[in-house]
Amino acid sequence: MTATTSVPGSASRSFHRRHHHRSDEETAEVAKYRYHYTRVVETIGRVVRVRIERGVRPSQSHAVAEVLADTMTWTHLAHEVPTR
């Protein structure tokens, strides 16, 4: 199932997709000078989340991979911060 929306008069666009037969989920948002993407998947009995934010400047960009711990909190697996 996919839903796409855009705001009239705006360069922004977003979507949300959920795979009903699995626990996978992804969302994305695109604007004139940046984008954001998040994907959540279940793999080997664990829930993993990846978040990517990309802007015009390196200081506006980052990527994070996390796993949902048994305490229901997100634990960082990897975090990429660009060099300046």
Protein backbone atom coordinates (compact mmCIF):
# COMPACT_ATOMS: atom_id res chain seq x y z
CA MET A 1 0.00 0.00 0.00
CA THR A 2 1.46 3.33 -1.02
CA ALA A 3 0.20 6.83 -0.40
CA THR A 4 1.80 9.88 -1.98
CA THR A 5 0.98 13.44 -1.07
CA SER A 6 2.20 16.80 -2.24
CA VAL A 7 1.29 20.27 -1.11
CA PRO A 8 0.09 22.53 -3.94
CA GLY A 9 2.54 25.34 -4.59
CA SER A 10 5.30 23.57 -2.65
CA ALA A 11 8.31 21.57 -3.72
CA SER A 12 7.79 19.23 -0.78
CA ARG A 13 6.65 15.65 -1.31
CA SER A 14 6.32 12.76 1.12
CA PHE A 15 5.24 9.15 1.16
CA HIS A 16 4.61 6.37 3.62
CA ARG A 17 4.63 2.70 2.70
CA ARG A 18 3.77 -0.22 4.93
CA HIS A 19 4.17 -3.83 3.85
CA HIS A 20 1.17 -5.51 5.47
CA HIS A 21 2.51 -9.05 5.20
CA ARG A 22 5.65 -8.08 7.16
CA SER A 23 6.52 -5.51 9.78
CA ASP A 24 8.55 -3.44 7.29
CA GLU A 25 7.75 0.25 7.07
CA GLU A 26 9.31 3.17 5.23
CA THR A 27 8.71 6.89 5.05
CA ALA A 28 10.32 9.61 2.97
CA GLU A 29 10.05 13.35 2.65
CA VAL A 30 11.59 15.41 -0.11
CA ALA A 31 11.83 19.18 -0.07
CA LYS A 32 13.62 21.62 -2.33
CA TYR A 33 17.01 21.38 -0.60
CA ARG A 34 16.81 18.25 1.56
CA TYR A 35 15.36 14.79 1.97
CA HIS A 36 14.66 12.45 4.87
CA TYR A 37 14.25 8.67 4.61
CA THR A 38 13.40 6.18 7.37
CA ARG A 39 13.09 2.41 7.00
CA VAL A 40 12.10 -0.02 9.76
CA VAL A 41 12.44 -3.77 9.19
CA GLU A 42 12.25 -6.91 11.27
CA THR A 43 15.20 -9.22 10.74
CA ILE A 44 16.22 -12.29 12.73
CA GLY A 45 13.66 -11.45 15.39
CA ARG A 46 14.90 -7.88 15.90
CA VAL A 47 13.52 -4.55 14.69
CA VAL A 48 16.11 -2.37 12.92
CA ARG A 49 15.61 1.28 11.96
CA VAL A 50 17.69 3.30 9.48
CA ARG A 51 17.31 7.08 9.26
CA ILE A 52 18.97 9.24 6.60
CA GLU A 53 18.83 13.02 6.45
CA ARG A 54 20.48 14.80 3.52
CA GLY A 55 20.78 18.55 3.16
CA VAL A 56 22.62 20.94 0.89
CA ARG A 57 25.51 21.36 3.33
CA PRO A 58 27.42 18.43 4.84
CA SER A 59 26.59 19.73 8.32
CA GLN A 60 22.88 19.15 7.52
CA SER A 61 23.37 15.47 6.66
CA HIS A 62 23.61 12.33 8.77
CA ALA A 63 22.70 8.64 8.86
CA VAL A 64 21.82 6.42 11.84
CA ALA A 65 21.18 2.68 12.14
CA GLU A 66 19.49 1.47 15.34
CA VAL A 67 18.07 -1.71 16.84
CA LEU A 68 15.07 -1.86 19.17
CA ALA A 69 16.33 -3.29 22.47
CA ASP A 70 14.32 -5.50 24.81
CA THR A 71 13.75 -2.39 26.96
CA MET A 72 11.88 -0.85 23.99
CA THR A 73 14.52 1.84 23.44
CA TRP A 74 16.57 2.41 20.30
CA THR A 75 20.27 1.45 20.51
CA HIS A 76 22.72 2.87 17.95
CA LEU A 77 24.41 0.34 15.70
CA ALA A 78 26.08 2.94 13.46
CA HIS A 79 26.04 6.71 13.16
CA GLU A 80 27.58 8.58 10.25
CA VAL A 81 28.29 12.27 10.62
CA PRO A 82 29.93 13.89 7.58
CA THR A 83 33.25 15.65 7.82
CA ARG A 84 33.11 19.40 7.62
